[in-house]
């Protein structure tokens, strides 16, 4: 059980074990008769807002994964792809770590750029040509 302590996300980010709760439920899928007897699927629950992670990481996480967070601010991950409870538990924790790592990377700031003089000139020229083509489509007059 010692391998399921704190969840180490990166060198400077760690999620304490007490913030994560796990429940074991019966899983559908591979396992034959075993799925009817043994609770191998894992439901990992994490309270995002009350977490000890830095505020910036929590805010980005909530924006990135808003559709997966419940109304009371909990993230519920379910892992049932393996037949083993241990492997499902590891899979759920790895998935949570990947999600937090994705939120830990701050987005790049956009640097405003101006279009080059040549590109502006080309755009205006093409618009004028297009306008001329459309103007020539008008009704024909004086040819009776």
C-alpha atoms as a PDB file:
ATOM      1  CA  UNK A   1       0.000   0.000   0.000  1.00  0.00           C
ATOM      2  CA  UNK A   2       2.993   2.326   0.372  1.00  0.00           C
ATOM      3  CA  UNK A   3       3.208   2.842  -3.398  1.00  0.00           C
ATOM      4  CA  UNK A   4      -0.166   4.627  -3.242  1.00  0.00           C
ATOM      5  CA  UNK A   5       0.921   7.527  -1.077  1.00  0.00           C
ATOM      6  CA  UNK A   6       1.229  11.051  -2.398  1.00  0.00           C
ATOM      7  CA  UNK A   7       0.714  11.446  -6.146  1.00  0.00           C
ATOM      8  CA  UNK A   8       3.897  12.885  -7.643  1.00  0.00           C
ATOM      9  CA  UNK A   9       2.982  14.850 -10.762  1.00  0.00           C
ATOM     10  CA  UNK A  10       6.260  16.608 -11.537  1.00  0.00           C
ATOM     11  CA  UNK A  11       9.420  17.678  -9.746  1.00  0.00           C
ATOM     12  CA  UNK A  12       7.630  20.585  -8.055  1.00  0.00           C
ATOM     13  CA  UNK A  13       4.008  19.343  -7.981  1.00  0.00           C
ATOM     14  CA  UNK A  14       2.743  16.680  -5.587  1.00  0.00           C
ATOM     15  CA  UNK A  15      -0.830  15.866  -4.650  1.00  0.00           C
ATOM     16  CA  UNK A  16      -1.125  14.634  -1.039  1.00  0.00           C
ATOM     17  CA  UNK A  17      -2.725  11.211  -0.607  1.00  0.00           C
ATOM     18  CA  UNK A  18      -5.434  12.572   1.716  1.00  0.00           C
ATOM     19  CA  UNK A  19      -6.895  14.690  -1.126  1.00  0.00           C
ATOM     20  CA  UNK A  20      -7.688  11.613  -3.223  1.00  0.00           C
ATOM     21  CA  UNK A  21     -10.383   9.126  -2.299  1.00  0.00           C
ATOM     22  CA  UNK A  22     -10.937   5.832  -4.059  1.00  0.00           C
ATOM     23  CA  UNK A  23     -13.957   3.555  -4.167  1.00  0.00           C
ATOM     24  CA  UNK A  24     -14.019   0.116  -5.723  1.00  0.00           C
ATOM     25  CA  UNK A  25     -17.021  -0.954  -7.762  1.00  0.00           C
ATOM     26  CA  UNK A  26     -17.923  -3.847 -10.000  1.00  0.00           C
ATOM     27  CA  UNK A  27     -16.751  -3.370 -13.544  1.00  0.00           C
ATOM     28  CA  UNK A  28     -18.207  -4.340 -16.858  1.00  0.00           C
ATOM     29  CA  UNK A  29     -15.916  -5.598 -19.578  1.00  0.00           C
ATOM     30  CA  UNK A  30     -13.134  -8.190 -19.494  1.00  0.00           C
ATOM     31  CA  UNK A  31     -13.004 -10.694 -16.671  1.00  0.00           C
ATOM     32  CA  UNK A  32     -15.645 -13.337 -17.373  1.00  0.00           C
ATOM     33  CA  UNK A  33     -17.446 -14.510 -14.261  1.00  0.00           C
ATOM     34  CA  UNK A  34     -14.880 -12.603 -12.216  1.00  0.00           C
ATOM     35  CA  UNK A  35     -16.662  -9.280 -12.944  1.00  0.00           C
ATOM     36  CA  UNK A  36     -19.760 -10.537 -11.150  1.00  0.00           C
ATOM     37  CA  UNK A  37     -17.852 -11.355  -7.968  1.00  0.00           C
ATOM     38  CA  UNK A  38     -14.975  -8.913  -7.567  1.00  0.00           C
ATOM     39  CA  UNK A  39     -14.995  -5.109  -7.418  1.00  0.00           C
ATOM     40  CA  UNK A  40     -12.061  -4.297  -9.690  1.00  0.00           C
ATOM     41  CA  UNK A  41     -13.096  -0.934 -11.143  1.00  0.00           C
ATOM     42  CA  UNK A  42     -11.819   2.163  -9.350  1.00  0.00           C
ATOM     43  CA  UNK A  43     -13.679   5.442  -8.873  1.00  0.00           C
ATOM     44  CA  UNK A  44     -11.110   8.073  -7.966  1.00  0.00           C
ATOM     45  CA  UNK A  45     -12.545  11.294  -6.512  1.00  0.00           C
ATOM     46  CA  UNK A  46     -10.659  14.561  -6.078  1.00  0.00           C
ATOM     47  CA  UNK A  47     -12.013  17.851  -4.709  1.00  0.00           C
ATOM     48  CA  UNK A  48     -10.470  20.344  -7.161  1.00  0.00           C
ATOM     49  CA  UNK A  49     -11.265  23.628  -5.413  1.00  0.00           C
ATOM     50  CA  UNK A  50     -10.091  22.479  -1.968  1.00  0.00           C
ATOM     51  CA  UNK A  51      -6.807  21.118  -3.308  1.00  0.00           C
ATOM     52  CA  UNK A  52      -3.399  22.227  -2.071  1.00  0.00           C
ATOM     53  CA  UNK A  53      -2.162  22.784  -5.637  1.00  0.00           C
ATOM     54  CA  UNK A  54      -1.196  26.348  -6.671  1.00  0.00           C
ATOM     55  CA  UNK A  55      -4.179  28.571  -7.536  1.00  0.00           C
ATOM     56  CA  UNK A  56      -3.092  29.008 -11.175  1.00  0.00           C
ATOM     57  CA  UNK A  57      -2.971  25.256 -11.749  1.00  0.00           C
ATOM     58  CA  UNK A  58      -6.388  24.763 -10.113  1.00  0.00           C
ATOM     59  CA  UNK A  59      -7.963  27.545 -12.196  1.00  0.00           C
ATOM     60  CA  UNK A  60      -6.549  26.177 -15.461  1.00  0.00           C
ATOM     61  CA  UNK A  61      -7.642  22.650 -14.458  1.00  0.00           C
ATOM     62  CA  UNK A  62     -11.192  23.827 -13.804  1.00  0.00           C
ATOM     63  CA  UNK A  63     -11.327  25.595 -17.179  1.00  0.00           C
ATOM     64  CA  UNK A  64      -9.775  22.703 -19.122  1.00  0.00           C
ATOM     65  CA  UNK A  65     -11.889  19.966 -17.566  1.00  0.00           C
ATOM     66  CA  UNK A  66     -15.064  21.894 -16.637  1.00  0.00           C
ATOM     67  CA  UNK A  67     -17.266  19.287 -18.317  1.00  0.00           C
ATOM     68  CA  UNK A  68     -15.815  16.513 -16.145  1.00  0.00           C
ATOM     69  CA  UNK A  69     -16.172  18.318 -12.816  1.00  0.00           C
ATOM     70  CA  UNK A  70     -19.409  17.882 -10.851  1.00  0.00           C
ATOM     71  CA  UNK A  71     -21.551  20.772  -9.564  1.00  0.00           C
ATOM     72  CA  UNK A  72     -19.979  20.491  -6.104  1.00  0.00           C
ATOM     73  CA  UNK A  73     -16.442  20.752  -7.546  1.00  0.00           C
ATOM     74  CA  UNK A  74     -15.391  17.091  -7.549  1.00  0.00           C
ATOM     75  CA  UNK A  75     -13.595  15.283 -10.347  1.00  0.00           C
ATOM     76  CA  UNK A  76     -14.590  11.628 -10.611  1.00  0.00           C
ATOM     77  CA  UNK A  77     -12.361   9.353 -12.692  1.00  0.00           C
ATOM     78  CA  UNK A  78     -13.354   5.763 -13.324  1.00  0.00           C
ATOM     79  CA  UNK A  79     -10.838   3.150 -14.421  1.00  0.00           C
ATOM     80  CA  UNK A  80     -12.018  -0.321 -15.354  1.00  0.00           C
ATOM     81  CA  UNK A  81      -9.862  -1.264 -18.328  1.00  0.00           C
ATOM     82  CA  UNK A  82      -7.839  -3.892 -16.434  1.00  0.00           C
ATOM     83  CA  UNK A  83      -8.916  -7.070 -14.665  1.00  0.00           C
ATOM     84  CA  UNK A  84      -6.835  -6.195 -11.624  1.00  0.00           C
ATOM     85  CA  UNK A  85      -7.893  -3.694  -8.970  1.00  0.00           C
ATOM     86  CA  UNK A  86      -4.252  -2.688  -8.497  1.00  0.00           C
ATOM     87  CA  UNK A  87      -3.738  -1.939 -12.198  1.00  0.00           C
ATOM     88  CA  UNK A  88      -7.007   0.014 -12.408  1.00  0.00           C
ATOM     89  CA  UNK A  89      -5.934   2.025  -9.392  1.00  0.00           C
ATOM     90  CA  UNK A  90      -2.603   2.851 -11.014  1.00  0.00           C
ATOM     91  CA  UNK A  91      -4.338   3.733 -14.298  1.00  0.00           C
ATOM     92  CA  UNK A  92      -6.723   6.161 -12.567  1.00  0.00           C
ATOM     93  CA  UNK A  93      -3.880   7.852 -10.679  1.00  0.00           C
ATOM     94  CA  UNK A  94      -1.785   8.135 -13.856  1.00  0.00           C
ATOM     95  CA  UNK A  95      -4.746   9.658 -15.713  1.00  0.00           C
ATOM     96  CA  UNK A  96      -5.241  12.224 -12.928  1.00  0.00           C
ATOM     97  CA  UNK A  97      -1.520  13.067 -12.951  1.00  0.00           C
ATOM     98  CA  UNK A  98      -1.596  13.595 -16.739  1.00  0.00           C
ATOM     99  CA  UNK A  99      -4.619  15.878 -16.432  1.00  0.00           C
ATOM    100  CA  UNK A 100      -2.981  17.970 -13.692  1.00  0.00           C
ATOM    101  CA  UNK A 101       0.283  18.111 -15.662  1.00  0.00           C
ATOM    102  CA  UNK A 102      -1.623  19.394 -18.680  1.00  0.00           C
ATOM    103  CA  UNK A 103      -3.166  22.126 -16.516  1.00  0.00           C
ATOM    104  CA  UNK A 104       0.197  22.975 -14.935  1.00  0.00           C
ATOM    105  CA  UNK A 105       1.603  24.248 -18.232  1.00  0.00           C
ATOM    106  CA  UNK A 106       0.651  27.921 -18.558  1.00  0.00           C
ATOM    107  CA  UNK A 107      -0.575  28.911 -22.027  1.00  0.00           C
ATOM    108  CA  UNK A 108       1.776  30.948 -24.186  1.00  0.00           C
ATOM    109  CA  UNK A 109       0.980  34.635 -24.376  1.00  0.00           C
ATOM    110  CA  UNK A 110      -0.091  35.711 -27.826  1.00  0.00           C
ATOM    111  CA  UNK A 111       2.136  38.347 -29.375  1.00  0.00           C
ATOM    112  CA  UNK A 112       0.178  40.752 -31.555  1.00  0.00           C
ATOM    113  CA  UNK A 113       1.583  41.078 -35.055  1.00  0.00           C
ATOM    114  CA  UNK A 114       0.835  43.470 -37.893  1.00  0.00           C
ATOM    115  CA  UNK A 115       0.355  42.203 -41.431  1.00  0.00           C
ATOM    116  CA  UNK A 116       3.217  43.109 -43.771  1.00  0.00           C
ATOM    117  CA  UNK A 117       2.738  45.943 -46.268  1.00  0.00           C
ATOM    118  CA  UNK A 118       2.981  43.452 -49.135  1.00  0.00           C
ATOM    119  CA  UNK A 119       0.260  41.200 -47.736  1.00  0.00           C
ATOM    120  CA  UNK A 120      -2.063  44.185 -47.208  1.00  0.00           C
ATOM    121  CA  UNK A 121      -1.411  45.345 -50.788  1.00  0.00           C
ATOM    122  CA  UNK A 122      -2.101  41.853 -52.201  1.00  0.00           C
ATOM    123  CA  UNK A 123      -5.324  41.568 -50.192  1.00  0.00           C
ATOM    124  CA  UNK A 124      -6.617  44.944 -51.386  1.00  0.00           C
ATOM    125  CA  UNK A 125      -5.674  44.163 -55.018  1.00  0.00           C
ATOM    126  CA  UNK A 126      -7.505  40.827 -54.935  1.00  0.00           C
ATOM    127  CA  UNK A 127     -10.573  42.474 -53.370  1.00  0.00           C
ATOM    128  CA  UNK A 128     -10.626  45.114 -56.128  1.00  0.00           C
ATOM    129  CA  UNK A 129     -10.324  42.456 -58.843  1.00  0.00           C
ATOM    130  CA  UNK A 130     -13.153  40.473 -57.271  1.00  0.00           C
ATOM    131  CA  UNK A 131     -15.299  43.619 -57.068  1.00  0.00           C
ATOM    132  CA  UNK A 132     -14.676  44.346 -60.754  1.00  0.00           C
ATOM    133  CA  UNK A 133     -15.705  40.794 -61.716  1.00  0.00           C
ATOM    134  CA  UNK A 134     -18.926  41.159 -59.731  1.00  0.00           C
ATOM    135  CA  UNK A 135     -19.615  44.617 -61.225  1.00  0.00           C
ATOM    136  CA  UNK A 136     -19.394  43.148 -64.732  1.00  0.00           C
ATOM    137  CA  UNK A 137     -22.189  40.706 -63.857  1.00  0.00           C
ATOM    138  CA  UNK A 138     -24.749  43.538 -63.851  1.00  0.00           C
ATOM    139  CA  UNK A 139     -27.620  43.761 -66.316  1.00  0.00           C
ATOM    140  CA  UNK A 140     -26.731  44.595 -69.925  1.00  0.00           C
ATOM    141  CA  UNK A 141     -28.177  47.967 -71.052  1.00  0.00           C
ATOM    142  CA  UNK A 142     -28.305  49.771 -74.432  1.00  0.00           C
ATOM    143  CA  UNK A 143     -28.169  46.679 -76.680  1.00  0.00           C
ATOM    144  CA  UNK A 144     -31.681  46.778 -78.189  1.00  0.00           C
END
